[in-house]
């Protein structure tokens, strides 16, 4: 399996975890991605579709992180408001 196929596999696992609401589990996979990227050879045209899919999933994942951050912020704000 090429480095870019491995990267895609991890990105798919991240998206699935985030979609199920487990953003923390998805974030924990970032180190594995970093290791692959650090050692990956230069991409060839054969990896183009895998890389494009990783980028698409990353945009989706970023949306999940943003959404989770906003929800946590609202919960904290509500908690602080109740304590006053």
Protein backbone atom coordinates (compact mmCIF):
# COMPACT_ATOMS: atom_id res chain seq x y z
CA UNK A 1 0.00 0.00 0.00
CA UNK A 2 1.44 3.37 -0.98
CA UNK A 3 1.97 6.12 1.57
CA UNK A 4 -0.85 8.10 -0.04
CA UNK A 5 -3.23 5.14 0.14
CA UNK A 6 -2.35 4.81 3.84
CA UNK A 7 -2.97 8.52 4.28
CA UNK A 8 -6.37 8.15 2.62
CA UNK A 9 -7.21 5.20 4.87
CA UNK A 10 -6.48 7.26 7.98
CA UNK A 11 -8.43 10.23 6.62
CA UNK A 12 -11.42 7.94 6.03
CA UNK A 13 -11.17 6.66 9.62
CA UNK A 14 -10.99 10.24 10.88
CA UNK A 15 -14.06 11.25 8.90
CA UNK A 16 -15.99 8.22 10.13
CA UNK A 17 -15.05 8.91 13.76
CA UNK A 18 -15.94 12.59 13.47
CA UNK A 19 -19.21 11.81 11.73
CA UNK A 20 -20.14 9.48 14.58
CA UNK A 21 -19.44 12.33 17.01
CA UNK A 22 -16.03 11.15 18.24
CA UNK A 23 -13.94 14.13 17.15
CA UNK A 24 -11.36 13.37 19.84
CA UNK A 25 -10.67 9.92 18.34
CA UNK A 26 -10.32 11.51 14.92
CA UNK A 27 -7.84 14.08 16.23
CA UNK A 28 -5.79 11.32 17.87
CA UNK A 29 -5.04 9.95 14.39
CA UNK A 30 -3.20 13.13 13.41
CA UNK A 31 0.16 11.81 14.67
CA UNK A 32 -0.14 8.73 12.46
CA UNK A 33 -0.82 10.98 9.49
CA UNK A 34 2.17 13.16 10.32
CA UNK A 35 4.45 10.12 10.38
CA UNK A 36 3.25 9.02 6.96
CA UNK A 37 3.61 12.49 5.48
CA UNK A 38 7.11 12.88 6.94
CA UNK A 39 8.34 9.73 5.22
CA UNK A 40 6.26 9.73 2.04
CA UNK A 41 8.08 9.96 -1.25
CA UNK A 42 7.10 12.70 -3.68
CA UNK A 43 3.64 12.12 -5.08
CA UNK A 44 3.14 10.93 -8.61
CA UNK A 45 0.16 11.36 -10.89
CA UNK A 46 -0.96 7.88 -9.80
CA UNK A 47 -1.67 9.25 -6.31
CA UNK A 48 -3.65 12.26 -7.51
CA UNK A 49 -7.10 10.85 -6.79
CA UNK A 50 -6.09 9.63 -3.32
CA UNK A 51 -4.65 13.05 -2.46
CA UNK A 52 -7.74 14.85 -3.74
CA UNK A 53 -9.95 12.60 -1.62
CA UNK A 54 -7.77 13.22 1.45
CA UNK A 55 -8.17 16.96 0.90
CA UNK A 56 -11.94 16.62 0.53
CA UNK A 57 -12.14 14.59 3.74
CA UNK A 58 -9.91 17.11 5.50
CA UNK A 59 -12.31 19.93 4.63
CA UNK A 60 -15.16 17.83 6.01
CA UNK A 61 -13.14 16.98 9.12
CA UNK A 62 -12.30 20.66 9.69
CA UNK A 63 -16.04 21.37 9.67
CA UNK A 64 -16.61 18.71 12.32
CA UNK A 65 -13.84 20.17 14.49
CA UNK A 66 -15.31 23.66 14.13
CA UNK A 67 -18.76 22.36 15.02
CA UNK A 68 -17.47 20.45 18.06
CA UNK A 69 -15.53 23.51 19.25
CA UNK A 70 -18.62 25.70 18.99
CA UNK A 71 -20.73 23.16 20.87
CA UNK A 72 -18.13 22.88 23.64
CA UNK A 73 -17.94 26.65 23.85
CA UNK A 74 -21.71 26.89 24.22
CA UNK A 75 -21.72 24.24 26.95
CA UNK A 76 -18.98 26.07 28.84
CA UNK A 77 -20.80 29.36 28.46
CA UNK A 78 -24.05 27.81 29.72
CA UNK A 79 -22.22 26.21 32.65
CA UNK A 80 -20.58 29.51 33.61
CA UNK A 81 -23.87 31.38 33.29
CA UNK A 82 -25.61 28.91 35.61
CA UNK A 83 -22.91 29.24 38.25
CA UNK A 84 -23.36 33.03 38.48
